[in-house]
Amino acid sequence: MSEDLATTALLEFLNAAEAGIVQAKRLIAQAKGVKEWDPCKIRWGKAEGNSGPYERSEDVNNLEFKAMLKDLAAHGGKMMYDGFFYWSFRNGSTVGRKRRKQD
């Protein structure tokens, strides 16, 4: 039982550390003038999944979408970005996003 609690606590810590690192990298990139993708320039549609409502996009001809896919691939297919959790589907051309739950 205590091993499960320790594992859960460690995973929570690692998730928080990862989110902090991602945000720090993003802020450094912005300060250096590195261009990132803009999710507002991507066409999103409403969808419903096992975990509730989310947004999805298959805007494959959009340069912002392509940059997002590249960023997602560099993060193993899932990441946090500007308050949203993003993930890529197995087909490689669909992306889902869901607003991060506030603690």
PDB file of N, CA and C in Angstrom:
ATOM      1  N   MET A   1       0.821  -1.202   0.000  1.00  0.00           N
ATOM      2  CA  MET A   1       0.000   0.000   0.000  1.00  0.00           C
ATOM      3  C   MET A   1       0.860   1.259   0.000  1.00  0.00           C
ATOM      4  N   SER A   2       1.874   1.316   0.882  1.00  0.00           N
ATOM      5  CA  SER A   2       2.725   2.510   0.936  1.00  0.00           C
ATOM      6  C   SER A   2       3.562   2.649  -0.338  1.00  0.00           C
ATOM      7  N   GLU A   3       3.890   1.515  -0.994  1.00  0.00           N
ATOM      8  CA  GLU A   3       4.625   1.570  -2.248  1.00  0.00           C
ATOM      9  C   GLU A   3       3.789   2.257  -3.326  1.00  0.00           C
ATOM     10  N   ASP A   4       2.477   1.970  -3.363  1.00  0.00           N
ATOM     11  CA  ASP A   4       1.589   2.621  -4.319  1.00  0.00           C
ATOM     12  C   ASP A   4       1.516   4.115  -4.061  1.00  0.00           C
ATOM     13  N   LEU A   5       1.456   4.512  -2.803  1.00  0.00           N
ATOM     14  CA  LEU A   5       1.413   5.925  -2.441  1.00  0.00           C
ATOM     15  C   LEU A   5       2.711   6.616  -2.847  1.00  0.00           C
ATOM     16  N   ALA A   6       3.832   5.961  -2.607  1.00  0.00           N
ATOM     17  CA  ALA A   6       5.124   6.538  -2.981  1.00  0.00           C
ATOM     18  C   ALA A   6       5.234   6.683  -4.499  1.00  0.00           C
ATOM     19  N   THR A   7       4.780   5.675  -5.229  1.00  0.00           N
ATOM     20  CA  THR A   7       4.813   5.733  -6.692  1.00  0.00           C
ATOM     21  C   THR A   7       3.930   6.859  -7.200  1.00  0.00           C
ATOM     22  N   THR A   8       2.744   6.983  -6.637  1.00  0.00           N
ATOM     23  CA  THR A   8       1.825   8.048  -7.032  1.00  0.00           C
ATOM     24  C   THR A   8       2.433   9.415  -6.749  1.00  0.00           C
ATOM     25  N   ALA A   9       3.028   9.570  -5.573  1.00  0.00           N
ATOM     26  CA  ALA A   9       3.645  10.846  -5.210  1.00  0.00           C
ATOM     27  C   ALA A   9       4.812  11.167  -6.152  1.00  0.00           C
ATOM     28  N   LEU A  10       5.613  10.178  -6.476  1.00  0.00           N
ATOM     29  CA  LEU A  10       6.729  10.392  -7.390  1.00  0.00           C
ATOM     30  C   LEU A  10       6.241  10.798  -8.770  1.00  0.00           C
ATOM     31  N   LEU A  11       5.212  10.127  -9.274  1.00  0.00           N
ATOM     32  CA  LEU A  11       4.664  10.474 -10.584  1.00  0.00           C
ATOM     33  C   LEU A  11       4.093  11.888 -10.595  1.00  0.00           C
ATOM     34  N   GLU A  12       3.417  12.275  -9.524  1.00  0.00           N
ATOM     35  CA  GLU A  12       2.887  13.642  -9.432  1.00  0.00           C
ATOM     36  C   GLU A  12       4.028  14.655  -9.456  1.00  0.00           C
ATOM     37  N   PHE A  13       5.095  14.369  -8.705  1.00  0.00           N
ATOM     38  CA  PHE A  13       6.251  15.258  -8.680  1.00  0.00           C
ATOM     39  C   PHE A  13       6.884  15.374 -10.068  1.00  0.00           C
ATOM     40  N   LEU A  14       7.055  14.244 -10.739  1.00  0.00           N
ATOM     41  CA  LEU A  14       7.667  14.254 -12.069  1.00  0.00           C
ATOM     42  C   LEU A  14       6.801  14.997 -13.084  1.00  0.00           C
ATOM     43  N   ASN A  15       5.475  14.843 -12.988  1.00  0.00           N
ATOM     44  CA  ASN A  15       4.574  15.584 -13.874  1.00  0.00           C
ATOM     45  C   ASN A  15       4.708  17.086 -13.649  1.00  0.00           C
ATOM     46  N   ALA A  16       4.793  17.490 -12.380  1.00  0.00           N
ATOM     47  CA  ALA A  16       4.943  18.912 -12.063  1.00  0.00           C
ATOM     48  C   ALA A  16       6.288  19.433 -12.562  1.00  0.00           C
ATOM     49  N   ALA A  17       7.344  18.637 -12.380  1.00  0.00           N
ATOM     50  CA  ALA A  17       8.670  19.043 -12.857  1.00  0.00           C
ATOM     51  C   ALA A  17       8.673  19.179 -14.371  1.00  0.00           C
ATOM     52  N   GLU A  18       8.042  18.228 -15.065  1.00  0.00           N
ATOM     53  CA  GLU A  18       7.977  18.280 -16.518  1.00  0.00           C
ATOM     54  C   GLU A  18       7.231  19.530 -16.980  1.00  0.00           C
ATOM     55  N   ALA A  19       6.111  19.837 -16.338  1.00  0.00           N
ATOM     56  CA  ALA A  19       5.342  21.028 -16.714  1.00  0.00           C
ATOM     57  C   ALA A  19       6.175  22.289 -16.509  1.00  0.00           C
ATOM     58  N   GLY A  20       6.938  22.340 -15.415  1.00  0.00           N
ATOM     59  CA  GLY A  20       7.797  23.492 -15.156  1.00  0.00           C
ATOM     60  C   GLY A  20       8.902  23.632 -16.186  1.00  0.00           C
ATOM     61  N   ILE A  21       9.492  22.521 -16.563  1.00  0.00           N
ATOM     62  CA  ILE A  21      10.561  22.532 -17.571  1.00  0.00           C
ATOM     63  C   ILE A  21      10.019  22.988 -18.923  1.00  0.00           C
ATOM     64  N   VAL A  22       8.863  22.459 -19.305  1.00  0.00           N
ATOM     65  CA  VAL A  22       8.252  22.835 -20.583  1.00  0.00           C
ATOM     66  C   VAL A  22       7.957  24.328 -20.600  1.00  0.00           C
ATOM     67  N   GLN A  23       7.398  24.839 -19.506  1.00  0.00           N
ATOM     68  CA  GLN A  23       7.079  26.272 -19.438  1.00  0.00           C
ATOM     69  C   GLN A  23       8.353  27.107 -19.488  1.00  0.00           C
ATOM     70  N   ALA A  24       9.408  26.683 -18.786  1.00  0.00           N
ATOM     71  CA  ALA A  24      10.670  27.419 -18.801  1.00  0.00           C
ATOM     72  C   ALA A  24      11.267  27.442 -20.212  1.00  0.00           C
ATOM     73  N   LYS A  25      11.222  26.295 -20.903  1.00  0.00           N
ATOM     74  CA  LYS A  25      11.732  26.236 -22.273  1.00  0.00           C
ATOM     75  C   LYS A  25      10.946  27.166 -23.187  1.00  0.00           C
ATOM     76  N   ARG A  26       9.634  27.207 -22.982  1.00  0.00           N
ATOM     77  CA  ARG A  26       8.780  28.071 -23.797  1.00  0.00           C
ATOM     78  C   ARG A  26       9.109  29.547 -23.564  1.00  0.00           C
ATOM     79  N   LEU A  27       9.293  29.928 -22.296  1.00  0.00           N
ATOM     80  CA  LEU A  27       9.614  31.313 -21.971  1.00  0.00           C
ATOM     81  C   LEU A  27      10.982  31.710 -22.530  1.00  0.00           C
ATOM     82  N   ILE A  28      11.951  30.811 -22.448  1.00  0.00           N
ATOM     83  CA  ILE A  28      13.278  31.084 -23.002  1.00  0.00           C
ATOM     84  C   ILE A  28      13.189  31.237 -24.519  1.00  0.00           C
ATOM     85  N   ALA A  29      12.428  30.357 -25.166  1.00  0.00           N
ATOM     86  CA  ALA A  29      12.273  30.436 -26.619  1.00  0.00           C
ATOM     87  C   ALA A  29      11.617  31.750 -27.016  1.00  0.00           C
ATOM     88  N   GLN A  30      10.607  32.185 -26.264  1.00  0.00           N
ATOM     89  CA  GLN A  30       9.953  33.451 -26.564  1.00  0.00           C
ATOM     90  C   GLN A  30      10.934  34.614 -26.419  1.00  0.00           C
ATOM     91  N   ALA A  31      11.731  34.590 -25.347  1.00  0.00           N
ATOM     92  CA  ALA A  31      12.691  35.664 -25.105  1.00  0.00           C
ATOM     93  C   ALA A  31      13.752  35.713 -26.197  1.00  0.00           C
ATOM     94  N   LYS A  32      14.095  34.565 -26.756  1.00  0.00           N
ATOM     95  CA  LYS A  32      15.097  34.488 -27.823  1.00  0.00           C
ATOM     96  C   LYS A  32      14.493  34.753 -29.195  1.00  0.00           C
ATOM     97  N   GLY A  33      13.172  34.909 -29.261  1.00  0.00           N
ATOM     98  CA  GLY A  33      12.511  35.187 -30.525  1.00  0.00           C
ATOM     99  C   GLY A  33      12.270  33.963 -31.383  1.00  0.00           C
ATOM    100  N   VAL A  34      12.322  32.785 -30.784  1.00  0.00           N
ATOM    101  CA  VAL A  34      12.071  31.561 -31.535  1.00  0.00           C
ATOM    102  C   VAL A  34      10.579  31.474 -31.850  1.00  0.00           C
ATOM    103  N   LYS A  35      10.249  31.248 -33.121  1.00  0.00           N
ATOM    104  CA  LYS A  35       8.849  31.174 -33.524  1.00  0.00           C
ATOM    105  C   LYS A  35       8.244  29.849 -33.082  1.00  0.00           C
ATOM    106  N   GLU A  36       7.077  29.933 -32.499  1.00  0.00           N
ATOM    107  CA  GLU A  36       6.324  28.743 -32.115  1.00  0.00           C
ATOM    108  C   GLU A  36       5.024  28.730 -32.892  1.00  0.00           C
ATOM    109  N   TRP A  37       4.264  27.687 -32.737  1.00  0.00           N
ATOM    110  CA  TRP A  37       2.980  27.581 -33.399  1.00  0.00           C
ATOM    111  C   TRP A  37       1.905  28.248 -32.541  1.00  0.00           C
ATOM    112  N   ASP A  38       0.865  28.704 -33.208  1.00  0.00           N
ATOM    113  CA  ASP A  38      -0.232  29.406 -32.539  1.00  0.00           C
ATOM    114  C   ASP A  38      -1.496  28.565 -32.649  1.00  0.00           C
ATOM    115  N   PRO A  39      -1.983  28.012 -31.512  1.00  0.00           N
ATOM    116  CA  PRO A  39      -3.171  27.165 -31.565  1.00  0.00           C
ATOM    117  C   PRO A  39      -4.430  27.910 -32.015  1.00  0.00           C
ATOM    118  N   CYS A  40      -4.435  29.226 -31.897  1.00  0.00           N
ATOM    119  CA  CYS A  40      -5.601  30.008 -32.334  1.00  0.00           C
ATOM    120  C   CYS A  40      -5.727  30.034 -33.856  1.00  0.00           C
ATOM    121  N   LYS A  41      -4.634  29.714 -34.546  1.00  0.00           N
ATOM    122  CA  LYS A  41      -4.647  29.723 -36.010  1.00  0.00           C
ATOM    123  C   LYS A  41      -4.929  28.334 -36.583  1.00  0.00           C
ATOM    124  N   ILE A  42      -5.317  27.415 -35.699  1.00  0.00           N
ATOM    125  CA  ILE A  42      -5.640  26.044 -36.107  1.00  0.00           C
ATOM    126  C   ILE A  42      -7.148  25.849 -35.963  1.00  0.00           C
ATOM    127  N   ARG A  43      -7.753  25.192 -36.938  1.00  0.00           N
ATOM    128  CA  ARG A  43      -9.197  24.914 -36.896  1.00  0.00           C
ATOM    129  C   ARG A  43      -9.459  23.761 -35.931  1.00  0.00           C
ATOM    130  N   TRP A  44     -10.272  24.006 -34.903  1.00  0.00           N
ATOM    131  CA  TRP A  44     -10.618  23.008 -33.891  1.00  0.00           C
ATOM    132  C   TRP A  44     -12.111  22.732 -33.933  1.00  0.00           C
ATOM    133  N   GLY A  45     -12.487  21.490 -33.692  1.00  0.00           N
ATOM    134  CA  GLY A  45     -13.896  21.112 -33.609  1.00  0.00           C
ATOM    135  C   GLY A  45     -14.175  20.423 -32.285  1.00  0.00           C
ATOM    136  N   LYS A  46     -15.398  20.511 -31.847  1.00  0.00           N
ATOM    137  CA  LYS A  46     -15.787  19.873 -30.589  1.00  0.00           C
ATOM    138  C   LYS A  46     -15.930  18.366 -30.800  1.00  0.00           C
ATOM    139  N   ALA A  47     -15.553  17.615 -29.761  1.00  0.00           N
ATOM    140  CA  ALA A  47     -15.647  16.150 -29.819  1.00  0.00           C
ATOM    141  C   ALA A  47     -15.943  15.633 -28.416  1.00  0.00           C
ATOM    142  N   GLU A  48     -16.367  14.391 -28.347  1.00  0.00           N
ATOM    143  CA  GLU A  48     -16.684  13.743 -27.063  1.00  0.00           C
ATOM    144  C   GLU A  48     -15.922  12.425 -27.006  1.00  0.00           C
ATOM    145  N   GLY A  49     -15.235  12.200 -25.890  1.00  0.00           N
ATOM    146  CA  GLY A  49     -14.485  10.968 -25.712  1.00  0.00           C
ATOM    147  C   GLY A  49     -14.846  10.285 -24.405  1.00  0.00           C
ATOM    148  N   ASN A  50     -14.131   9.234 -24.072  1.00  0.00           N
ATOM    149  CA  ASN A  50     -14.379   8.497 -22.835  1.00  0.00           C
ATOM    150  C   ASN A  50     -14.193   9.359 -21.593  1.00  0.00           C
ATOM    151  N   SER A  51     -13.315  10.361 -21.681  1.00  0.00           N
ATOM    152  CA  SER A  51     -13.045  11.248 -20.548  1.00  0.00           C
ATOM    153  C   SER A  51     -13.795  12.572 -20.659  1.00  0.00           C
ATOM    154  N   GLY A  52     -14.812  12.624 -21.495  1.00  0.00           N
ATOM    155  CA  GLY A  52     -15.616  13.834 -21.625  1.00  0.00           C
ATOM    156  C   GLY A  52     -15.298  14.635 -22.870  1.00  0.00           C
ATOM    157  N   PRO A  53     -15.776  15.879 -22.910  1.00  0.00           N
ATOM    158  CA  PRO A  53     -15.604  16.711 -24.101  1.00  0.00           C
ATOM    159  C   PRO A  53     -14.152  17.172 -24.272  1.00  0.00           C
ATOM    160  N   TYR A  54     -13.766  17.333 -25.522  1.00  0.00           N
ATOM    161  CA  TYR A  54     -12.447  17.849 -25.865  1.00  0.00           C
ATOM    162  C   TYR A  54     -12.550  18.473 -27.250  1.00  0.00           C
ATOM    163  N   GLU A  55     -11.469  19.040 -27.730  1.00  0.00           N
ATOM    164  CA  GLU A  55     -11.422  19.585 -29.081  1.00  0.00           C
ATOM    165  C   GLU A  55     -10.448  18.750 -29.894  1.00  0.00           C
ATOM    166  N   ARG A  56     -10.700  18.658 -31.197  1.00  0.00           N
ATOM    167  CA  ARG A  56      -9.801  17.905 -32.075  1.00  0.00           C
ATOM    168  C   ARG A  56      -9.612  18.662 -33.376  1.00  0.00           C
ATOM    169  N   SER A  57      -8.495  18.376 -34.016  1.00  0.00           N
ATOM    170  CA  SER A  57      -8.194  19.035 -35.280  1.00  0.00           C
ATOM    171  C   SER A  57      -7.513  18.053 -36.224  1.00  0.00           C
ATOM    172  N   GLU A  58      -7.834  18.223 -37.493  1.00  0.00           N
ATOM    173  CA  GLU A  58      -7.181  17.493 -38.578  1.00  0.00           C
ATOM    174  C   GLU A  58      -6.817  18.495 -39.673  1.00  0.00           C
ATOM    175  N   ASP A  59      -6.391  19.668 -39.264  1.00  0.00           N
ATOM    176  CA  ASP A  59      -6.096  20.795 -40.145  1.00  0.00           C
ATOM    177  C   ASP A  59      -4.719  20.620 -40.807  1.00  0.00           C
ATOM    178  N   VAL A  60      -4.539  19.496 -41.520  1.00  0.00           N
ATOM    179  CA  VAL A  60      -3.222  19.050 -41.990  1.00  0.00           C
ATOM    180  C   VAL A  60      -2.556  19.972 -43.012  1.00  0.00           C
ATOM    181  N   ASN A  61      -3.298  20.814 -43.688  1.00  0.00           N
ATOM    182  CA  ASN A  61      -2.701  21.715 -44.671  1.00  0.00           C
ATOM    183  C   ASN A  61      -2.288  23.058 -44.067  1.00  0.00           C
ATOM    184  N   ASN A  62      -2.446  23.192 -42.768  1.00  0.00           N
ATOM    185  CA  ASN A  62      -2.133  24.423 -42.047  1.00  0.00           C
ATOM    186  C   ASN A  62      -0.698  24.333 -41.513  1.00  0.00           C
ATOM    187  N   LEU A  63       0.121  25.360 -41.792  1.00  0.00           N
ATOM    188  CA  LEU A  63       1.512  25.359 -41.325  1.00  0.00           C
ATOM    189  C   LEU A  63       1.606  25.352 -39.803  1.00  0.00           C
ATOM    190  N   GLU A  64       0.668  26.019 -39.131  1.00  0.00           N
ATOM    191  CA  GLU A  64       0.661  26.016 -37.664  1.00  0.00           C
ATOM    192  C   GLU A  64       0.394  24.599 -37.142  1.00  0.00           C
ATOM    193  N   PHE A  65      -0.520  23.894 -37.795  1.00  0.00           N
ATOM    194  CA  PHE A  65      -0.829  22.512 -37.427  1.00  0.00           C
ATOM    195  C   PHE A  65       0.397  21.625 -37.611  1.00  0.00           C
ATOM    196  N   LYS A  66       1.096  21.808 -38.719  1.00  0.00           N
ATOM    197  CA  LYS A  66       2.294  21.006 -38.985  1.00  0.00           C
ATOM    198  C   LYS A  66       3.379  21.267 -37.935  1.00  0.00           C
ATOM    199  N   ALA A  67       3.534  22.535 -37.531  1.00  0.00           N
ATOM    200  CA  ALA A  67       4.504  22.872 -36.489  1.00  0.00           C
ATOM    201  C   ALA A  67       4.097  22.246 -35.157  1.00  0.00           C
ATOM    202  N   MET A  68       2.786  22.235 -34.886  1.00  0.00           N
ATOM    203  CA  MET A  68       2.286  21.618 -33.661  1.00  0.00           C
ATOM    204  C   MET A  68       2.573  20.116 -33.676  1.00  0.00           C
ATOM    205  N   LEU A  69       2.322  19.447 -34.802  1.00  0.00           N
ATOM    206  CA  LEU A  69       2.597  18.016 -34.910  1.00  0.00           C
ATOM    207  C   LEU A  69       4.073  17.718 -34.666  1.00  0.00           C
ATOM    208  N   LYS A  70       4.934  18.551 -35.197  1.00  0.00           N
ATOM    209  CA  LYS A  70       6.374  18.368 -34.995  1.00  0.00           C
ATOM    210  C   LYS A  70       6.731  18.522 -33.520  1.00  0.00           C
ATOM    211  N   ASP A  71       6.162  19.523 -32.873  1.00  0.00           N
ATOM    212  CA  ASP A  71       6.389  19.749 -31.447  1.00  0.00           C
ATOM    213  C   ASP A  71       5.871  18.556 -30.632  1.00  0.00           C
ATOM    214  N   LEU A  72       4.676  18.084 -30.981  1.00  0.00           N
ATOM    215  CA  LEU A  72       4.112  16.916 -30.300  1.00  0.00           C
ATOM    216  C   LEU A  72       5.012  15.689 -30.469  1.00  0.00           C
ATOM    217  N   ALA A  73       5.517  15.478 -31.659  1.00  0.00           N
ATOM    218  CA  ALA A  73       6.395  14.330 -31.914  1.00  0.00           C
ATOM    219  C   ALA A  73       7.648  14.423 -31.047  1.00  0.00           C
ATOM    220  N   ALA A  74       8.165  15.641 -30.888  1.00  0.00           N
ATOM    221  CA  ALA A  74       9.359  15.840 -30.062  1.00  0.00           C
ATOM    222  C   ALA A  74       9.081  15.578 -28.586  1.00  0.00           C
ATOM    223  N   HIS A  75       7.805  15.624 -28.207  1.00  0.00           N
ATOM    224  CA  HIS A  75       7.405  15.380 -26.815  1.00  0.00           C
ATOM    225  C   HIS A  75       6.724  14.024 -26.638  1.00  0.00           C
ATOM    226  N   GLY A  76       6.950  13.100 -27.542  1.00  0.00           N
ATOM    227  CA  GLY A  76       6.400  11.758 -27.395  1.00  0.00           C
ATOM    228  C   GLY A  76       4.906  11.653 -27.647  1.00  0.00           C
ATOM    229  N   GLY A  77       4.325  12.631 -28.348  1.00  0.00           N
ATOM    230  CA  GLY A  77       2.918  12.567 -28.717  1.00  0.00           C
ATOM    231  C   GLY A  77       1.955  13.185 -27.731  1.00  0.00           C
ATOM    232  N   LYS A  78       2.466  13.755 -26.624  1.00  0.00           N
ATOM    233  CA  LYS A  78       1.585  14.459 -25.676  1.00  0.00           C
ATOM    234  C   LYS A  78       2.382  15.515 -24.926  1.00  0.00           C
ATOM    235  N   MET A  79       1.704  16.623 -24.638  1.00  0.00           N
ATOM    236  CA  MET A  79       2.381  17.726 -23.954  1.00  0.00           C
ATOM    237  C   MET A  79       1.372  18.761 -23.445  1.00  0.00           C
ATOM    238  N   MET A  80       1.854  19.613 -22.573  1.00  0.00           N
ATOM    239  CA  MET A  80       1.094  20.761 -22.095  1.00  0.00           C
ATOM    240  C   MET A  80       1.574  21.987 -22.873  1.00  0.00           C
ATOM    241  N   TYR A  81       0.633  22.864 -23.239  1.00  0.00           N
ATOM    242  CA  TYR A  81       0.983  24.078 -23.966  1.00  0.00           C
ATOM    243  C   TYR A  81      -0.106  25.110 -23.733  1.00  0.00           C
ATOM    244  N   ASP A  82       0.254  26.249 -23.177  1.00  0.00           N
ATOM    245  CA  ASP A  82      -0.677  27.366 -22.937  1.00  0.00           C
ATOM    246  C   ASP A  82      -1.961  26.942 -22.229  1.00  0.00           C
ATOM    247  N   GLY A  83      -1.849  26.148 -21.189  1.00  0.00           N
ATOM    248  CA  GLY A  83      -3.015  25.766 -20.396  1.00  0.00           C
ATOM    249  C   GLY A  83      -3.830  24.612 -20.952  1.00  0.00           C
ATOM    250  N   PHE A  84      -3.366  24.010 -22.040  1.00  0.00           N
ATOM    251  CA  PHE A  84      -4.064  22.871 -22.634  1.00  0.00           C
ATOM    252  C   PHE A  84      -3.152  21.652 -22.634  1.00  0.00           C
ATOM    253  N   PHE A  85      -3.765  20.474 -22.527  1.00  0.00           N
ATOM    254  CA  PHE A  85      -3.068  19.217 -22.735  1.00  0.00           C
ATOM    255  C   PHE A  85      -3.342  18.799 -24.176  1.00  0.00           C
ATOM    256  N   TYR A  86      -2.294  18.558 -24.948  1.00  0.00           N
ATOM    257  CA  TYR A  86      -2.397  18.158 -26.359  1.00  0.00           C
ATOM    258  C   TYR A  86      -1.909  16.729 -26.508  1.00  0.00           C
ATOM    259  N   TRP A  87      -2.525  15.989 -27.401  1.00  0.00           N
ATOM    260  CA  TRP A  87      -2.065  14.638 -27.716  1.00  0.00           C
ATOM    261  C   TRP A  87      -2.339  14.345 -29.179  1.00  0.00           C
ATOM    262  N   SER A  88      -1.500  13.492 -29.757  1.00  0.00           N
ATOM    263  CA  SER A  88      -1.715  13.093 -31.138  1.00  0.00           C
ATOM    264  C   SER A  88      -2.323  11.695 -31.159  1.00  0.00           C
ATOM    265  N   PHE A  89      -3.204  11.479 -32.116  1.00  0.00           N
ATOM    266  CA  PHE A  89      -3.848  10.183 -32.278  1.00  0.00           C
ATOM    267  C   PHE A  89      -2.916   9.261 -33.067  1.00  0.00           C
ATOM    268  N   ARG A  90      -3.187   7.993 -33.028  1.00  0.00           N
ATOM    269  CA  ARG A  90      -2.329   6.995 -33.679  1.00  0.00           C
ATOM    270  C   ARG A  90      -2.221   7.189 -35.184  1.00  0.00           C
ATOM    271  N   ASN A  91      -3.250   7.784 -35.798  1.00  0.00           N
ATOM    272  CA  ASN A  91      -3.191   7.975 -37.254  1.00  0.00           C
ATOM    273  C   ASN A  91      -2.159   9.030 -37.660  1.00  0.00           C
ATOM    274  N   GLY A  92      -1.659   9.809 -36.699  1.00  0.00           N
ATOM    275  CA  GLY A  92      -0.615  10.790 -36.968  1.00  0.00           C
ATOM    276  C   GLY A  92      -1.081  12.084 -37.589  1.00  0.00           C
ATOM    277  N   SER A  93      -2.360  12.182 -37.929  1.00  0.00           N
ATOM    278  CA  SER A  93      -2.861  13.405 -38.559  1.00  0.00           C
ATOM    279  C   SER A  93      -4.007  14.044 -37.781  1.00  0.00           C
ATOM    280  N   THR A  94      -4.295  13.525 -36.604  1.00  0.00           N
ATOM    281  CA  THR A  94      -5.347  14.083 -35.749  1.00  0.00           C
ATOM    282  C   THR A  94      -4.742  14.434 -34.401  1.00  0.00           C
ATOM    283  N   VAL A  95      -5.128  15.609 -33.892  1.00  0.00           N
ATOM    284  CA  VAL A  95      -4.655  16.060 -32.591  1.00  0.00           C
ATOM    285  C   VAL A  95      -5.858  16.404 -31.727  1.00  0.00           C
ATOM    286  N   GLY A  96      -5.796  16.020 -30.471  1.00  0.00           N
ATOM    287  CA  GLY A  96      -6.822  16.390 -29.506  1.00  0.00           C
ATOM    288  C   GLY A  96      -6.238  17.361 -28.500  1.00  0.00           C
ATOM    289  N   ARG A  97      -7.111  18.155 -27.894  1.00  0.00           N
ATOM    290  CA  ARG A  97      -6.661  19.035 -26.822  1.00  0.00           C
ATOM    291  C   ARG A  97      -7.782  19.211 -25.815  1.00  0.00           C
ATOM    292  N   LYS A  98      -7.386  19.416 -24.571  1.00  0.00           N
ATOM    293  CA  LYS A  98      -8.335  19.603 -23.484  1.00  0.00           C
ATOM    294  C   LYS A  98      -7.718  20.594 -22.509  1.00  0.00           C
ATOM    295  N   ARG A  99      -8.548  21.538 -22.040  1.00  0.00           N
ATOM    296  CA  ARG A  99      -8.035  22.532 -21.090  1.00  0.00           C
ATOM    297  C   ARG A  99      -7.579  21.813 -19.833  1.00  0.00           C
ATOM    298  N   ARG A 100      -6.435  22.218 -19.329  1.00  0.00           N
ATOM    299  CA  ARG A 100      -5.860  21.618 -18.115  1.00  0.00           C
ATOM    300  C   ARG A 100      -6.748  21.928 -16.921  1.00  0.00           C
ATOM    301  N   LYS A 101      -6.948  20.927 -16.101  1.00  0.00           N
ATOM    302  CA  LYS A 101      -7.746  21.123 -14.886  1.00  0.00           C
ATOM    303  C   LYS A 101      -6.980  22.005 -13.915  1.00  0.00           C
ATOM    304  N   GLN A 102      -7.664  22.982 -13.349  1.00  0.00           N
ATOM    305  CA  GLN A 102      -7.041  23.859 -12.364  1.00  0.00           C
ATOM    306  C   GLN A 102      -7.152  23.217 -10.989  1.00  0.00           C
ATOM    307  N   ASP A 103      -6.041  23.282 -10.222  1.00  0.00           N
ATOM    308  CA  ASP A 103      -6.025  22.694  -8.885  1.00  0.00           C
ATOM    309  C   ASP A 103      -6.720  23.567  -7.880  1.00  0.00           C
TER     310      ASP A 103
END
